[in-house]
Amino acid sequence: MHETLPTKLYPENWHDLIVDKHTVRVESEKGWFVMFMTQRCVECKKLEPIWQDLHEHINHAAHIGTMDC
């Protein structure tokens, strides 16, 4: 099934999805684009539609994620 939103990343799922705790290497064969953002950031909110477009266009070539800092 095709996801419609970038993956929501949290400290709790960071090592499960992206970086191996022991080797500190990206776990998947596909790379990750991660948008580190905060809901208080006006510029971050302006980038959300662009980030969504990126996700829709390269979803199969790379993983897309967002992390609210």
C-alpha atoms as a PDB file:
ATOM      1  CA  MET A   1       0.000   0.000   0.000  1.00  0.00           C
ATOM      2  CA  HIS A   2       1.270   3.472  -0.921  1.00  0.00           C
ATOM      3  CA  GLU A   3       1.646   5.790   2.059  1.00  0.00           C
ATOM      4  CA  THR A   4       0.300   9.312   1.677  1.00  0.00           C
ATOM      5  CA  LEU A   5       2.343  10.956   4.425  1.00  0.00           C
ATOM      6  CA  PRO A   6       6.014  10.953   5.385  1.00  0.00           C
ATOM      7  CA  THR A   7       6.849   8.591   8.241  1.00  0.00           C
ATOM      8  CA  LYS A   8       6.549  10.215  11.665  1.00  0.00           C
ATOM      9  CA  LEU A   9       9.804   9.650  13.519  1.00  0.00           C
ATOM     10  CA  TYR A  10      10.287   9.734  17.275  1.00  0.00           C
ATOM     11  CA  PRO A  11      13.216   8.934  19.554  1.00  0.00           C
ATOM     12  CA  GLU A  12      11.425   5.642  20.306  1.00  0.00           C
ATOM     13  CA  ASN A  13      11.382   4.458  16.655  1.00  0.00           C
ATOM     14  CA  TRP A  14      14.591   6.102  15.354  1.00  0.00           C
ATOM     15  CA  HIS A  15      16.774   3.033  15.958  1.00  0.00           C
ATOM     16  CA  ASP A  16      14.087   0.606  14.780  1.00  0.00           C
ATOM     17  CA  LEU A  17      13.596   2.382  11.454  1.00  0.00           C
ATOM     18  CA  ILE A  18      16.752   4.271  10.575  1.00  0.00           C
ATOM     19  CA  VAL A  19      20.009   3.722  12.445  1.00  0.00           C
ATOM     20  CA  ASP A  20      21.282   0.488  13.944  1.00  0.00           C
ATOM     21  CA  LYS A  21      22.253   1.154  17.584  1.00  0.00           C
ATOM     22  CA  HIS A  22      25.352  -1.002  17.425  1.00  0.00           C
ATOM     23  CA  THR A  23      26.833  -0.159  14.032  1.00  0.00           C
ATOM     24  CA  VAL A  24      25.443   3.405  13.784  1.00  0.00           C
ATOM     25  CA  ARG A  25      24.626   2.738  10.123  1.00  0.00           C
ATOM     26  CA  VAL A  26      21.453   3.267   8.153  1.00  0.00           C
ATOM     27  CA  GLU A  27      19.491   0.035   8.366  1.00  0.00           C
ATOM     28  CA  SER A  28      17.554   0.055   5.098  1.00  0.00           C
ATOM     29  CA  GLU A  29      18.856  -0.296   1.574  1.00  0.00           C
ATOM     30  CA  LYS A  30      17.065   2.914   0.646  1.00  0.00           C
ATOM     31  CA  GLY A  31      18.338   6.134   2.181  1.00  0.00           C
ATOM     32  CA  TRP A  32      16.330   8.536   4.312  1.00  0.00           C
ATOM     33  CA  PHE A  33      15.401  12.200   3.922  1.00  0.00           C
ATOM     34  CA  VAL A  34      14.473  13.468   7.386  1.00  0.00           C
ATOM     35  CA  MET A  35      12.926  16.868   8.050  1.00  0.00           C
ATOM     36  CA  PHE A  36      13.777  17.959  11.581  1.00  0.00           C
ATOM     37  CA  MET A  37      11.143  20.506  12.507  1.00  0.00           C
ATOM     38  CA  THR A  38       9.083  22.066  15.244  1.00  0.00           C
ATOM     39  CA  GLN A  39       5.433  23.051  15.127  1.00  0.00           C
ATOM     40  CA  ARG A  40       6.384  26.526  16.407  1.00  0.00           C
ATOM     41  CA  CYS A  41       8.601  27.171  13.379  1.00  0.00           C
ATOM     42  CA  VAL A  42       6.865  29.249  10.699  1.00  0.00           C
ATOM     43  CA  GLU A  43       9.426  28.292   8.051  1.00  0.00           C
ATOM     44  CA  CYS A  44       8.974  24.589   8.869  1.00  0.00           C
ATOM     45  CA  LYS A  45       5.224  24.876   8.369  1.00  0.00           C
ATOM     46  CA  LYS A  46       5.811  26.543   4.994  1.00  0.00           C
ATOM     47  CA  LEU A  47       7.995  23.590   3.969  1.00  0.00           C
ATOM     48  CA  GLU A  48       5.423  20.917   4.867  1.00  0.00           C
ATOM     49  CA  PRO A  49       3.659  20.959   1.448  1.00  0.00           C
ATOM     50  CA  ILE A  50       7.019  20.769  -0.312  1.00  0.00           C
ATOM     51  CA  TRP A  51       8.050  17.878   1.931  1.00  0.00           C
ATOM     52  CA  GLN A  52       4.774  16.124   1.093  1.00  0.00           C
ATOM     53  CA  ASP A  53       5.458  16.577  -2.642  1.00  0.00           C
ATOM     54  CA  LEU A  54       8.956  15.164  -2.172  1.00  0.00           C
ATOM     55  CA  HIS A  55       7.469  12.155  -0.409  1.00  0.00           C
ATOM     56  CA  GLU A  56       4.973  11.552  -3.222  1.00  0.00           C
ATOM     57  CA  HIS A  57       7.618  11.827  -5.957  1.00  0.00           C
ATOM     58  CA  ILE A  58      10.448   9.735  -4.514  1.00  0.00           C
ATOM     59  CA  ASN A  59       8.627   7.423  -2.115  1.00  0.00           C
ATOM     60  CA  HIS A  60       9.936   4.289  -3.811  1.00  0.00           C
ATOM     61  CA  ALA A  61      13.517   5.545  -4.201  1.00  0.00           C
ATOM     62  CA  ALA A  62      14.043   6.692  -0.601  1.00  0.00           C
ATOM     63  CA  HIS A  63      12.276   6.853   2.739  1.00  0.00           C
ATOM     64  CA  ILE A  64      10.869  10.199   3.819  1.00  0.00           C
ATOM     65  CA  GLY A  65      10.409  11.072   7.468  1.00  0.00           C
ATOM     66  CA  THR A  66       9.670  13.966   9.759  1.00  0.00           C
ATOM     67  CA  MET A  67      10.781  14.457  13.333  1.00  0.00           C
ATOM     68  CA  ASP A  68       9.226  17.109  15.545  1.00  0.00           C
ATOM     69  CA  CYS A  69      12.031  18.414  17.726  1.00  0.00           C
END
